[in-house]
Amino acid sequence: MSNHFSAANLKHPGDDARLDLTDLFVFAAPGNPDRTVLIMDSNPFLEGNGFHPDAVYRFNIDNNGDSLADVAFSVTFSEMKDGRQTATAHYAKGSEVQSHGPGGAMLIEATPVGVDAMARPVQAGSCRLFIGTRSDPFFADADGVVQWLLAGEQGNFEWKGNDTFGEGNILSIALEAPNDMLGPGPRIGVWVTVSLRRDGKLVQLEREGNPSFNPILNPDSIKDEFNATDPVDDVKNHLKPLSATFERHGYSPGEARAAALTLLPDILRYDRTKPGHYPNGRVMTDDVFSARLIMMVHGQARPQDVKPHKDLLPAFPFLGIPHPVKAGAVTAKA
């Protein structure tokens, strides 16, 4: 998993697939270094019916290194009607970002959510925006790893040779924004969140920064708490349990702490003056699953044989068109 099934016991946050973030990608727009692409994917295997109409899906951008959001792009959705939804996007900065709600300037209102291969990007203010169903770009030989994680085993695991997500679909929010909307300098930190309205208040239920982190490295006892908290408190709240995970897999205490601090706060860092490959941003061909599992077992594993998906597109929104839905298809949920 990248961030698929990130709640305790490899379930969906809030037990709702619509709230389950699967991936975050950040990279320079090909051929246009003055623009940056941000992609947030959710709803693994489309187990949920569209985007949640009571949720706020948000890109959070820290542009001064304090692990707090200085800029946010938020997207909200209408109720599903006759299999269709619309989306409204906002851009906030400064004090407007402090709320989890969709504050700031409206970029676009009630744009249709794409449901098939015919969906196209739209212009949203100075940004390009695509929202709709896409092929899941995450490639991972996860079948054996899932069983290994659920069993709480130590030591090595076994690659099975099967791309668990090879025929899966997700819902994607892809944004191409001018760099000056993200911050004054070349360095930013990005994480994505989903907050759900409950009893009149927005409650954060999900977040993602680094790939293949919370579902794999965090113990079940803190996954839900982790999803509900903010990166600024990560070192205080999560350094000890994350270090303990590394120690269980062969790290010395000092090594474990150092490894944990490469992931905390859980923010995807990106410096646009450098090549955009994880851990500097992330593109769809980065083998983050191998890297994370090898890191977890202290280097005592080889990379997976599964390769990046061949249906990726060369232009925005970059993710492949949706796979046909197979009758009787079985998801990879453990």
C-alpha atoms as a PDB file:
ATOM      1  CA  MET A   1       0.000   0.000   0.000  1.00  0.00           C
ATOM      2  CA  SER A   2       1.013   3.598  -0.524  1.00  0.00           C
ATOM      3  CA  ASN A   3      -1.640   4.985   1.788  1.00  0.00           C
ATOM      4  CA  HIS A   4      -4.434   2.581   0.867  1.00  0.00           C
ATOM      5  CA  PHE A   5      -6.288   1.144   3.906  1.00  0.00           C
ATOM      6  CA  SER A   6      -4.559   3.476   6.359  1.00  0.00           C
ATOM      7  CA  ALA A   7      -6.775   2.970   9.410  1.00  0.00           C
ATOM      8  CA  ALA A   8      -6.192   0.367  12.113  1.00  0.00           C
ATOM      9  CA  ASN A   9      -6.202  -3.256  10.910  1.00  0.00           C
ATOM     10  CA  LEU A  10      -5.703  -2.062   7.311  1.00  0.00           C
ATOM     11  CA  LYS A  11      -9.235  -0.700   7.072  1.00  0.00           C
ATOM     12  CA  HIS A  12     -10.614   2.537   5.639  1.00  0.00           C
ATOM     13  CA  PRO A  13     -10.607   5.674   7.816  1.00  0.00           C
ATOM     14  CA  GLY A  14     -14.050   6.021   9.314  1.00  0.00           C
ATOM     15  CA  ASP A  15     -14.764   2.621   7.750  1.00  0.00           C
ATOM     16  CA  ASP A  16     -15.565   4.510   4.533  1.00  0.00           C
ATOM     17  CA  ALA A  17     -13.540   4.037   1.340  1.00  0.00           C
ATOM     18  CA  ARG A  18     -14.508   7.534   0.174  1.00  0.00           C
ATOM     19  CA  LEU A  19     -12.333   8.940   2.975  1.00  0.00           C
ATOM     20  CA  ASP A  20      -9.326   6.702   2.194  1.00  0.00           C
ATOM     21  CA  LEU A  21      -6.448   8.616   0.580  1.00  0.00           C
ATOM     22  CA  THR A  22      -4.266   6.353  -1.542  1.00  0.00           C
ATOM     23  CA  ASP A  23      -1.508   8.547  -2.981  1.00  0.00           C
ATOM     24  CA  LEU A  24       0.103  11.970  -3.152  1.00  0.00           C
ATOM     25  CA  PHE A  25       2.307  13.075  -6.060  1.00  0.00           C
ATOM     26  CA  VAL A  26       4.210  16.365  -6.416  1.00  0.00           C
ATOM     27  CA  PHE A  27       6.403  17.260  -9.408  1.00  0.00           C
ATOM     28  CA  ALA A  28       7.179  19.977 -11.941  1.00  0.00           C
ATOM     29  CA  ALA A  29       4.815  20.330 -14.877  1.00  0.00           C
ATOM     30  CA  PRO A  30       6.626  18.778 -17.851  1.00  0.00           C
ATOM     31  CA  GLY A  31       7.930  21.506 -20.134  1.00  0.00           C
ATOM     32  CA  ASN A  32       6.847  24.268 -17.764  1.00  0.00           C
ATOM     33  CA  PRO A  33       9.071  24.614 -14.680  1.00  0.00           C
ATOM     34  CA  ASP A  34       7.034  27.633 -13.535  1.00  0.00           C
ATOM     35  CA  ARG A  35       4.135  25.327 -12.631  1.00  0.00           C
ATOM     36  CA  THR A  36       3.832  22.423 -10.179  1.00  0.00           C
ATOM     37  CA  VAL A  37       1.555  19.390 -10.359  1.00  0.00           C
ATOM     38  CA  LEU A  38      -0.200  18.150  -7.207  1.00  0.00           C
ATOM     39  CA  ILE A  39      -2.192  14.899  -7.357  1.00  0.00           C
ATOM     40  CA  MET A  40      -4.319  13.401  -4.591  1.00  0.00           C
ATOM     41  CA  ASP A  41      -5.889   9.961  -5.123  1.00  0.00           C
ATOM     42  CA  SER A  42      -8.533   8.284  -2.962  1.00  0.00           C
ATOM     43  CA  ASN A  43     -11.152   5.533  -2.782  1.00  0.00           C
ATOM     44  CA  PRO A  44      -9.096   2.353  -3.400  1.00  0.00           C
ATOM     45  CA  PHE A  45     -10.675  -0.037  -5.904  1.00  0.00           C
ATOM     46  CA  LEU A  46     -13.641   2.391  -5.971  1.00  0.00           C
ATOM     47  CA  GLU A  47     -15.140   0.555  -2.994  1.00  0.00           C
ATOM     48  CA  GLY A  48     -16.982   3.765  -2.091  1.00  0.00           C
ATOM     49  CA  ASN A  49     -19.632   5.524  -4.180  1.00  0.00           C
ATOM     50  CA  GLY A  50     -17.865   8.667  -5.410  1.00  0.00           C
ATOM     51  CA  PHE A  51     -16.408  11.409  -3.236  1.00  0.00           C
ATOM     52  CA  HIS A  52     -17.972  11.984   0.186  1.00  0.00           C
ATOM     53  CA  PRO A  53     -20.387  14.961  -0.047  1.00  0.00           C
ATOM     54  CA  ASP A  54     -19.788  15.948   3.591  1.00  0.00           C
ATOM     55  CA  ALA A  55     -15.986  15.886   3.353  1.00  0.00           C
ATOM     56  CA  VAL A  56     -13.290  18.415   2.497  1.00  0.00           C
ATOM     57  CA  TYR A  57     -10.373  17.045   0.429  1.00  0.00           C
ATOM     58  CA  ARG A  58      -7.391  19.336   0.868  1.00  0.00           C
ATOM     59  CA  PHE A  59      -3.832  19.913  -0.359  1.00  0.00           C
ATOM     60  CA  ASN A  60      -1.852  21.569   2.453  1.00  0.00           C
ATOM     61  CA  ILE A  61       1.327  23.473   1.544  1.00  0.00           C
ATOM     62  CA  ASP A  62       3.975  24.616   4.020  1.00  0.00           C
ATOM     63  CA  ASN A  63       6.256  27.163   2.347  1.00  0.00           C
ATOM     64  CA  ASN A  64       8.374  28.329   5.291  1.00  0.00           C
ATOM     65  CA  GLY A  65       9.443  25.072   6.950  1.00  0.00           C
ATOM     66  CA  ASP A  66       7.396  25.297  10.147  1.00  0.00           C
ATOM     67  CA  SER A  67       5.222  22.221   9.371  1.00  0.00           C
ATOM     68  CA  LEU A  68       2.068  24.354   9.307  1.00  0.00           C
ATOM     69  CA  ALA A  69      -0.051  25.002   6.225  1.00  0.00           C
ATOM     70  CA  ASP A  70       0.482  28.417   4.623  1.00  0.00           C
ATOM     71  CA  VAL A  71      -1.541  27.643   1.488  1.00  0.00           C
ATOM     72  CA  ALA A  72      -4.403  25.219   0.862  1.00  0.00           C
ATOM     73  CA  PHE A  73      -6.403  23.990  -2.097  1.00  0.00           C
ATOM     74  CA  SER A  74      -9.713  22.492  -0.924  1.00  0.00           C
ATOM     75  CA  VAL A  75     -12.290  20.545  -2.917  1.00  0.00           C
ATOM     76  CA  THR A  76     -15.840  19.745  -1.856  1.00  0.00           C
ATOM     77  CA  PHE A  77     -18.511  17.716  -3.609  1.00  0.00           C
ATOM     78  CA  SER A  78     -22.239  17.605  -4.173  1.00  0.00           C
ATOM     79  CA  GLU A  79     -24.445  14.687  -3.257  1.00  0.00           C
ATOM     80  CA  MET A  80     -24.383  11.843  -5.775  1.00  0.00           C
ATOM     81  CA  LYS A  81     -27.398  12.085  -8.101  1.00  0.00           C
ATOM     82  CA  ASP A  82     -28.066   9.638 -10.932  1.00  0.00           C
ATOM     83  CA  GLY A  83     -24.444   8.498 -10.706  1.00  0.00           C
ATOM     84  CA  ARG A  84     -23.071  12.044 -11.083  1.00  0.00           C
ATOM     85  CA  GLN A  85     -21.373  14.563  -8.809  1.00  0.00           C
ATOM     86  CA  THR A  86     -20.006  18.082  -9.109  1.00  0.00           C
ATOM     87  CA  ALA A  87     -16.962  19.616  -7.418  1.00  0.00           C
ATOM     88  CA  THR A  88     -16.121  23.082  -6.110  1.00  0.00           C
ATOM     89  CA  ALA A  89     -12.505  24.140  -5.484  1.00  0.00           C
ATOM     90  CA  HIS A  90     -11.129  26.917  -3.260  1.00  0.00           C
ATOM     91  CA  TYR A  91      -7.666  28.440  -2.787  1.00  0.00           C
ATOM     92  CA  ALA A  92      -6.718  29.835   0.622  1.00  0.00           C
ATOM     93  CA  LYS A  93      -3.598  31.428   2.078  1.00  0.00           C
ATOM     94  CA  GLY A  94      -2.511  33.104   5.292  1.00  0.00           C
ATOM     95  CA  SER A  95      -5.114  33.220   8.029  1.00  0.00           C
ATOM     96  CA  GLU A  96      -7.724  31.668   5.714  1.00  0.00           C
ATOM     97  CA  VAL A  97      -5.878  28.339   5.975  1.00  0.00           C
ATOM     98  CA  GLN A  98      -6.310  27.868   9.725  1.00  0.00           C
ATOM     99  CA  SER A  99      -9.743  26.273   9.386  1.00  0.00           C
ATOM    100  CA  HIS A 100     -10.188  22.788   7.883  1.00  0.00           C
ATOM    101  CA  GLY A 101     -13.032  24.219   5.833  1.00  0.00           C
ATOM    102  CA  PRO A 102     -12.945  25.336   2.189  1.00  0.00           C
ATOM    103  CA  GLY A 103     -12.023  28.989   2.772  1.00  0.00           C
ATOM    104  CA  GLY A 104     -10.451  31.596   0.515  1.00  0.00           C
ATOM    105  CA  ALA A 105     -11.130  32.329  -3.132  1.00  0.00           C
ATOM    106  CA  MET A 106     -13.332  30.058  -5.203  1.00  0.00           C
ATOM    107  CA  LEU A 107     -11.447  28.682  -8.214  1.00  0.00           C
ATOM    108  CA  ILE A 108     -14.333  26.834  -9.827  1.00  0.00           C
ATOM    109  CA  GLU A 109     -17.882  25.931  -8.838  1.00  0.00           C
ATOM    110  CA  ALA A 110     -19.956  22.824  -9.618  1.00  0.00           C
ATOM    111  CA  THR A 111     -17.616  21.347 -12.228  1.00  0.00           C
ATOM    112  CA  PRO A 112     -18.671  17.800 -13.201  1.00  0.00           C
ATOM    113  CA  VAL A 113     -16.681  14.883 -11.788  1.00  0.00           C
ATOM    114  CA  GLY A 114     -15.387  12.663 -14.579  1.00  0.00           C
ATOM    115  CA  VAL A 115     -16.670   9.097 -14.552  1.00  0.00           C
ATOM    116  CA  ASP A 116     -15.092   7.592 -17.674  1.00  0.00           C
ATOM    117  CA  ALA A 117     -12.270   7.837 -20.206  1.00  0.00           C
ATOM    118  CA  MET A 118     -13.869  10.882 -21.854  1.00  0.00           C
ATOM    119  CA  ALA A 119     -13.297  13.166 -18.846  1.00  0.00           C
ATOM    120  CA  ARG A 120     -11.090  16.190 -19.526  1.00  0.00           C
ATOM    121  CA  PRO A 121      -9.253  18.814 -17.427  1.00  0.00           C
ATOM    122  CA  VAL A 122     -10.848  22.226 -16.845  1.00  0.00           C
ATOM    123  CA  GLN A 123      -9.456  25.682 -16.157  1.00  0.00           C
ATOM    124  CA  ALA A 124      -9.918  26.755 -12.538  1.00  0.00           C
ATOM    125  CA  GLY A 125      -8.656  30.302 -12.181  1.00  0.00           C
ATOM    126  CA  SER A 126      -4.922  30.193 -12.923  1.00  0.00           C
ATOM    127  CA  CYS A 127      -4.872  26.423 -12.364  1.00  0.00           C
ATOM    128  CA  ARG A 128      -5.685  23.381 -14.424  1.00  0.00           C
ATOM    129  CA  LEU A 129      -7.875  20.865 -12.633  1.00  0.00           C
ATOM    130  CA  PHE A 130      -8.921  17.295 -13.266  1.00  0.00           C
ATOM    131  CA  ILE A 131     -11.317  15.439 -10.977  1.00  0.00           C
ATOM    132  CA  GLY A 132     -12.580  11.974 -11.766  1.00  0.00           C
ATOM    133  CA  THR A 133     -12.035   8.251 -12.076  1.00  0.00           C
ATOM    134  CA  ARG A 134      -8.578   7.083 -13.143  1.00  0.00           C
ATOM    135  CA  SER A 135      -6.462   3.949 -13.203  1.00  0.00           C
ATOM    136  CA  ASP A 136      -4.638   3.528  -9.886  1.00  0.00           C
ATOM    137  CA  PRO A 137      -0.986   4.428 -10.657  1.00  0.00           C
ATOM    138  CA  PHE A 138       0.413   2.735  -7.557  1.00  0.00           C
ATOM    139  CA  PHE A 139       2.367  -0.430  -8.341  1.00  0.00           C
ATOM    140  CA  ALA A 140       3.083  -2.855  -5.531  1.00  0.00           C
ATOM    141  CA  ASP A 141       3.541  -6.558  -4.890  1.00  0.00           C
ATOM    142  CA  ALA A 142       1.498  -6.193  -1.726  1.00  0.00           C
ATOM    143  CA  ASP A 143      -0.285  -9.542  -1.264  1.00  0.00           C
ATOM    144  CA  GLY A 144       2.426 -11.191   0.834  1.00  0.00           C
ATOM    145  CA  VAL A 145       3.260  -7.970   2.635  1.00  0.00           C
ATOM    146  CA  VAL A 146      -0.350  -7.520   3.794  1.00  0.00           C
ATOM    147  CA  GLN A 147      -0.391 -10.967   5.407  1.00  0.00           C
ATOM    148  CA  TRP A 148       3.040 -10.343   6.943  1.00  0.00           C
ATOM    149  CA  LEU A 149       1.848  -7.057   8.444  1.00  0.00           C
ATOM    150  CA  LEU A 150      -1.412  -8.490   9.762  1.00  0.00           C
ATOM    151  CA  ALA A 151       0.478 -11.335  11.414  1.00  0.00           C
ATOM    152  CA  GLY A 152       2.840  -8.866  13.097  1.00  0.00           C
ATOM    153  CA  GLU A 153       5.853 -10.825  11.943  1.00  0.00           C
ATOM    154  CA  GLN A 154       9.439  -9.655  12.177  1.00  0.00           C
ATOM    155  CA  GLY A 155      12.322 -10.333   9.834  1.00  0.00           C
ATOM    156  CA  ASN A 156      11.856 -10.601   6.101  1.00  0.00           C
ATOM    157  CA  PHE A 157       8.716 -10.989   3.986  1.00  0.00           C
ATOM    158  CA  GLU A 158       8.040 -12.657   0.664  1.00  0.00           C
ATOM    159  CA  TRP A 159       7.395 -10.979  -2.674  1.00  0.00           C
ATOM    160  CA  LYS A 160       4.677 -12.866  -4.561  1.00  0.00           C
ATOM    161  CA  GLY A 161       5.228 -11.319  -7.994  1.00  0.00           C
ATOM    162  CA  ASN A 162       1.679  -9.978  -8.375  1.00  0.00           C
ATOM    163  CA  ASP A 163       0.775  -6.294  -8.866  1.00  0.00           C
ATOM    164  CA  THR A 164      -2.012  -5.953  -6.309  1.00  0.00           C
ATOM    165  CA  PHE A 165      -3.202  -2.641  -7.766  1.00  0.00           C
ATOM    166  CA  GLY A 166      -2.556  -3.367 -11.440  1.00  0.00           C
ATOM    167  CA  GLU A 167      -6.213  -3.360 -12.460  1.00  0.00           C
ATOM    168  CA  GLY A 168      -7.572  -1.068  -9.767  1.00  0.00           C
ATOM    169  CA  ASN A 169      -9.282   2.292 -10.209  1.00  0.00           C
ATOM    170  CA  ILE A 170      -9.307   5.293  -7.892  1.00  0.00           C
ATOM    171  CA  LEU A 171     -10.734   8.797  -7.757  1.00  0.00           C
ATOM    172  CA  SER A 172      -8.198  11.510  -8.517  1.00  0.00           C
ATOM    173  CA  ILE A 173      -7.910  15.234  -7.878  1.00  0.00           C
ATOM    174  CA  ALA A 174      -5.096  16.568 -10.086  1.00  0.00           C
ATOM    175  CA  LEU A 175      -4.054  20.209  -9.943  1.00  0.00           C
ATOM    176  CA  GLU A 176      -1.473  22.130 -11.965  1.00  0.00           C
ATOM    177  CA  ALA A 177      -0.745  25.449 -10.261  1.00  0.00           C
ATOM    178  CA  PRO A 178       1.596  28.388 -10.878  1.00  0.00           C
ATOM    179  CA  ASN A 179       4.526  28.205  -8.506  1.00  0.00           C
ATOM    180  CA  ASP A 180       3.797  31.647  -7.085  1.00  0.00           C
ATOM    181  CA  MET A 181       0.481  30.343  -5.716  1.00  0.00           C
ATOM    182  CA  LEU A 182       2.435  27.825  -3.614  1.00  0.00           C
ATOM    183  CA  GLY A 183       4.928  30.172  -1.990  1.00  0.00           C
ATOM    184  CA  PRO A 184       7.702  32.700  -2.534  1.00  0.00           C
ATOM    185  CA  GLY A 185      10.578  30.229  -2.695  1.00  0.00           C
ATOM    186  CA  PRO A 186      11.444  26.939  -4.432  1.00  0.00           C
ATOM    187  CA  ARG A 187      10.969  24.703  -1.383  1.00  0.00           C
ATOM    188  CA  ILE A 188       7.598  23.500  -0.160  1.00  0.00           C
ATOM    189  CA  GLY A 189       6.198  20.700   1.970  1.00  0.00           C
ATOM    190  CA  VAL A 190       2.913  19.052   0.996  1.00  0.00           C
ATOM    191  CA  TRP A 191       0.432  16.783   2.719  1.00  0.00           C
ATOM    192  CA  VAL A 192      -3.174  15.934   1.959  1.00  0.00           C
ATOM    193  CA  THR A 193      -6.092  15.573   4.342  1.00  0.00           C
ATOM    194  CA  VAL A 194      -9.727  14.540   4.382  1.00  0.00           C
ATOM    195  CA  SER A 195     -12.001  16.088   6.992  1.00  0.00           C
ATOM    196  CA  LEU A 196     -15.613  15.010   7.533  1.00  0.00           C
ATOM    197  CA  ARG A 197     -18.445  17.135   8.862  1.00  0.00           C
ATOM    198  CA  ARG A 198     -19.872  15.561  12.032  1.00  0.00           C
ATOM    199  CA  ASP A 199     -22.417  17.291  14.251  1.00  0.00           C
ATOM    200  CA  GLY A 200     -21.697  20.579  12.499  1.00  0.00           C
ATOM    201  CA  LYS A 201     -17.910  20.367  12.933  1.00  0.00           C
ATOM    202  CA  LEU A 202     -15.167  19.288  10.539  1.00  0.00           C
ATOM    203  CA  VAL A 203     -13.163  16.370  11.936  1.00  0.00           C
ATOM    204  CA  GLN A 204      -9.959  15.261  10.235  1.00  0.00           C
ATOM    205  CA  LEU A 205     -10.016  11.505   9.613  1.00  0.00           C
ATOM    206  CA  GLU A 206      -7.209  10.973   7.113  1.00  0.00           C
ATOM    207  CA  ARG A 207      -3.891  12.384   5.962  1.00  0.00           C
ATOM    208  CA  GLU A 208      -0.864  11.466   3.868  1.00  0.00           C
ATOM    209  CA  GLY A 209       2.580  12.916   3.267  1.00  0.00           C
ATOM    210  CA  ASN A 210       5.249  10.278   2.700  1.00  0.00           C
ATOM    211  CA  PRO A 211       4.169   7.187   0.752  1.00  0.00           C
ATOM    212  CA  SER A 212       3.904   3.709   2.267  1.00  0.00           C
ATOM    213  CA  PHE A 213       4.248   5.112   5.768  1.00  0.00           C
ATOM    214  CA  ASN A 214       1.195   5.025   8.037  1.00  0.00           C
ATOM    215  CA  PRO A 215      -0.342   1.717   6.798  1.00  0.00           C
ATOM    216  CA  ILE A 216       3.019  -0.075   6.964  1.00  0.00           C
ATOM    217  CA  LEU A 217       5.190   1.442   9.685  1.00  0.00           C
ATOM    218  CA  ASN A 218       2.802   2.703  12.328  1.00  0.00           C
ATOM    219  CA  PRO A 219       1.356   0.177  14.796  1.00  0.00           C
ATOM    220  CA  ASP A 220      -2.415  -0.297  14.679  1.00  0.00           C
ATOM    221  CA  SER A 221      -2.787   1.330  18.074  1.00  0.00           C
ATOM    222  CA  ILE A 222      -1.835   4.782  16.715  1.00  0.00           C
ATOM    223  CA  LYS A 223      -2.955   4.734  13.052  1.00  0.00           C
ATOM    224  CA  ASP A 224      -6.315   6.390  13.648  1.00  0.00           C
ATOM    225  CA  GLU A 225      -4.809   8.964  16.003  1.00  0.00           C
ATOM    226  CA  PHE A 226      -2.064   9.651  13.464  1.00  0.00           C
ATOM    227  CA  ASN A 227      -4.644  10.294  10.733  1.00  0.00           C
ATOM    228  CA  ALA A 228      -6.500  12.743  12.975  1.00  0.00           C
ATOM    229  CA  THR A 229      -3.502  14.861  13.992  1.00  0.00           C
ATOM    230  CA  ASP A 230      -1.278  17.397  12.233  1.00  0.00           C
ATOM    231  CA  PRO A 231       2.352  17.078  11.074  1.00  0.00           C
ATOM    232  CA  VAL A 232       3.523  19.855  13.374  1.00  0.00           C
ATOM    233  CA  ASP A 233       3.012  17.480  16.340  1.00  0.00           C
ATOM    234  CA  ASP A 234       4.453  14.351  14.704  1.00  0.00           C
ATOM    235  CA  VAL A 235       7.849  14.300  16.380  1.00  0.00           C
ATOM    236  CA  LYS A 236       6.316  14.872  19.815  1.00  0.00           C
ATOM    237  CA  ASN A 237       3.547  12.328  19.347  1.00  0.00           C
ATOM    238  CA  HIS A 238       4.984   9.621  17.102  1.00  0.00           C
ATOM    239  CA  LEU A 239       8.782   9.514  17.267  1.00  0.00           C
ATOM    240  CA  LYS A 240       8.788   6.912  20.052  1.00  0.00           C
ATOM    241  CA  PRO A 241       6.392   4.343  18.496  1.00  0.00           C
ATOM    242  CA  LEU A 242       7.916   4.739  15.032  1.00  0.00           C
ATOM    243  CA  SER A 243      11.423   4.248  16.441  1.00  0.00           C
ATOM    244  CA  ALA A 244      10.171   1.131  18.236  1.00  0.00           C
ATOM    245  CA  THR A 245       8.975  -0.288  14.900  1.00  0.00           C
ATOM    246  CA  PHE A 246      12.445   0.118  13.424  1.00  0.00           C
ATOM    247  CA  GLU A 247      14.058  -1.430  16.507  1.00  0.00           C
ATOM    248  CA  ARG A 248      11.836  -4.510  16.146  1.00  0.00           C
ATOM    249  CA  HIS A 249      13.272  -4.960  12.678  1.00  0.00           C
ATOM    250  CA  GLY A 250      16.954  -4.858  13.597  1.00  0.00           C
ATOM    251  CA  TYR A 251      17.852  -1.192  14.053  1.00  0.00           C
ATOM    252  CA  SER A 252      19.865  -0.032  17.046  1.00  0.00           C
ATOM    253  CA  PRO A 253      18.117   2.645  19.148  1.00  0.00           C
ATOM    254  CA  GLY A 254      20.212   5.389  17.580  1.00  0.00           C
ATOM    255  CA  GLU A 255      19.644   4.102  14.064  1.00  0.00           C
ATOM    256  CA  ALA A 256      15.927   3.745  14.710  1.00  0.00           C
ATOM    257  CA  ARG A 257      15.567   7.324  15.912  1.00  0.00           C
ATOM    258  CA  ALA A 258      17.516   8.671  12.941  1.00  0.00           C
ATOM    259  CA  ALA A 259      15.402   6.655  10.505  1.00  0.00           C
ATOM    260  CA  ALA A 260      12.185   7.842  12.124  1.00  0.00           C
ATOM    261  CA  LEU A 261      13.255  11.472  11.839  1.00  0.00           C
ATOM    262  CA  THR A 262      13.643  11.099   8.065  1.00  0.00           C
ATOM    263  CA  LEU A 263       9.852  10.579   7.954  1.00  0.00           C
ATOM    264  CA  LEU A 264       8.675  12.920  10.693  1.00  0.00           C
ATOM    265  CA  PRO A 265       6.992  15.317  10.366  1.00  0.00           C
ATOM    266  CA  ASP A 266       5.023  13.360   7.759  1.00  0.00           C
ATOM    267  CA  ILE A 267       5.302  15.907   4.965  1.00  0.00           C
ATOM    268  CA  LEU A 268       6.359  15.305   1.360  1.00  0.00           C
ATOM    269  CA  ARG A 269       9.194  17.772   0.784  1.00  0.00           C
ATOM    270  CA  TYR A 270       9.797  19.238  -2.672  1.00  0.00           C
ATOM    271  CA  ASP A 271      12.559  21.526  -3.933  1.00  0.00           C
ATOM    272  CA  ARG A 272      11.814  22.458  -7.525  1.00  0.00           C
ATOM    273  CA  THR A 273      15.470  23.341  -8.194  1.00  0.00           C
ATOM    274  CA  LYS A 274      16.282  19.622  -7.952  1.00  0.00           C
ATOM    275  CA  PRO A 275      15.070  16.554  -9.895  1.00  0.00           C
ATOM    276  CA  GLY A 276      11.580  15.525  -8.793  1.00  0.00           C
ATOM    277  CA  HIS A 277      11.869  11.944  -7.571  1.00  0.00           C
ATOM    278  CA  TYR A 278      11.007  10.666  -4.114  1.00  0.00           C
ATOM    279  CA  PRO A 279      11.976  11.770  -1.483  1.00  0.00           C
ATOM    280  CA  ASN A 280      12.146  15.113  -3.339  1.00  0.00           C
ATOM    281  CA  GLY A 281       8.524  15.217  -4.412  1.00  0.00           C
ATOM    282  CA  ARG A 282       7.222  12.101  -6.083  1.00  0.00           C
ATOM    283  CA  VAL A 283       6.319  10.885  -9.579  1.00  0.00           C
ATOM    284  CA  MET A 284       4.225   7.866 -10.550  1.00  0.00           C
ATOM    285  CA  THR A 285       7.234   5.754 -11.606  1.00  0.00           C
ATOM    286  CA  ASP A 286       9.042   5.999  -8.243  1.00  0.00           C
ATOM    287  CA  ASP A 287       9.236   2.565  -6.598  1.00  0.00           C
ATOM    288  CA  VAL A 288       8.317   3.816  -3.149  1.00  0.00           C
ATOM    289  CA  PHE A 289       6.920   0.462  -2.017  1.00  0.00           C
ATOM    290  CA  SER A 290      10.249  -1.330  -2.411  1.00  0.00           C
ATOM    291  CA  ALA A 291      12.093   1.563  -0.805  1.00  0.00           C
ATOM    292  CA  ARG A 292       9.816   1.608   2.242  1.00  0.00           C
ATOM    293  CA  LEU A 293       9.863  -2.153   2.835  1.00  0.00           C
ATOM    294  CA  ILE A 294      13.644  -2.304   2.432  1.00  0.00           C
ATOM    295  CA  MET A 295      13.925   0.568   4.892  1.00  0.00           C
ATOM    296  CA  MET A 296      11.615  -1.192   7.339  1.00  0.00           C
ATOM    297  CA  VAL A 297      13.703  -4.396   7.466  1.00  0.00           C
ATOM    298  CA  HIS A 298      16.995  -2.522   7.709  1.00  0.00           C
ATOM    299  CA  GLY A 299      18.087  -3.288   4.157  1.00  0.00           C
ATOM    300  CA  GLN A 300      17.501  -7.044   4.401  1.00  0.00           C
ATOM    301  CA  ALA A 301      15.319  -7.306   1.292  1.00  0.00           C
ATOM    302  CA  ARG A 302      15.557  -6.849  -2.457  1.00  0.00           C
ATOM    303  CA  PRO A 303      13.324  -4.614  -4.613  1.00  0.00           C
ATOM    304  CA  GLN A 304      10.068  -5.998  -5.957  1.00  0.00           C
ATOM    305  CA  ASP A 305       9.884  -7.233  -9.555  1.00  0.00           C
ATOM    306  CA  VAL A 306       6.633  -5.365 -10.235  1.00  0.00           C
ATOM    307  CA  LYS A 307       7.202  -2.352 -12.485  1.00  0.00           C
ATOM    308  CA  PRO A 308       5.432   1.002 -13.055  1.00  0.00           C
ATOM    309  CA  HIS A 309       2.155   0.865 -14.906  1.00  0.00           C
ATOM    310  CA  LYS A 310       2.303   1.267 -18.669  1.00  0.00           C
ATOM    311  CA  ASP A 311      -0.956   3.207 -18.970  1.00  0.00           C
ATOM    312  CA  LEU A 312       0.439   6.472 -17.564  1.00  0.00           C
ATOM    313  CA  LEU A 313      -0.163   9.473 -19.822  1.00  0.00           C
ATOM    314  CA  PRO A 314       2.542  11.935 -20.980  1.00  0.00           C
ATOM    315  CA  ALA A 315       0.353  14.986 -20.308  1.00  0.00           C
ATOM    316  CA  PHE A 316      -1.955  16.295 -17.586  1.00  0.00           C
ATOM    317  CA  PRO A 317      -3.586  14.612 -15.650  1.00  0.00           C
ATOM    318  CA  PHE A 318      -0.927  11.889 -16.259  1.00  0.00           C
ATOM    319  CA  LEU A 319      -2.883   9.010 -14.695  1.00  0.00           C
ATOM    320  CA  GLY A 320      -4.218   6.361 -17.074  1.00  0.00           C
ATOM    321  CA  ILE A 321      -7.838   6.103 -18.113  1.00  0.00           C
ATOM    322  CA  PRO A 322     -10.030   3.888 -15.907  1.00  0.00           C
ATOM    323  CA  HIS A 323      -9.878   0.115 -16.215  1.00  0.00           C
ATOM    324  CA  PRO A 324     -13.104  -1.588 -17.232  1.00  0.00           C
ATOM    325  CA  VAL A 325     -14.957  -2.804 -14.166  1.00  0.00           C
ATOM    326  CA  LYS A 326     -15.011  -6.597 -14.140  1.00  0.00           C
ATOM    327  CA  ALA A 327     -18.119  -8.385 -12.973  1.00  0.00           C
ATOM    328  CA  GLY A 328     -17.481 -10.196  -9.701  1.00  0.00           C
ATOM    329  CA  ALA A 329     -14.097  -8.518  -9.214  1.00  0.00           C
ATOM    330  CA  VAL A 330     -12.527  -9.103  -5.802  1.00  0.00           C
ATOM    331  CA  THR A 331     -10.590  -6.331  -4.107  1.00  0.00           C
ATOM    332  CA  ALA A 332      -7.342  -6.779  -2.254  1.00  0.00           C
ATOM    333  CA  LYS A 333      -8.714  -5.804   1.132  1.00  0.00           C
ATOM    334  CA  ALA A 334      -7.278  -8.078   3.745  1.00  0.00           C
END
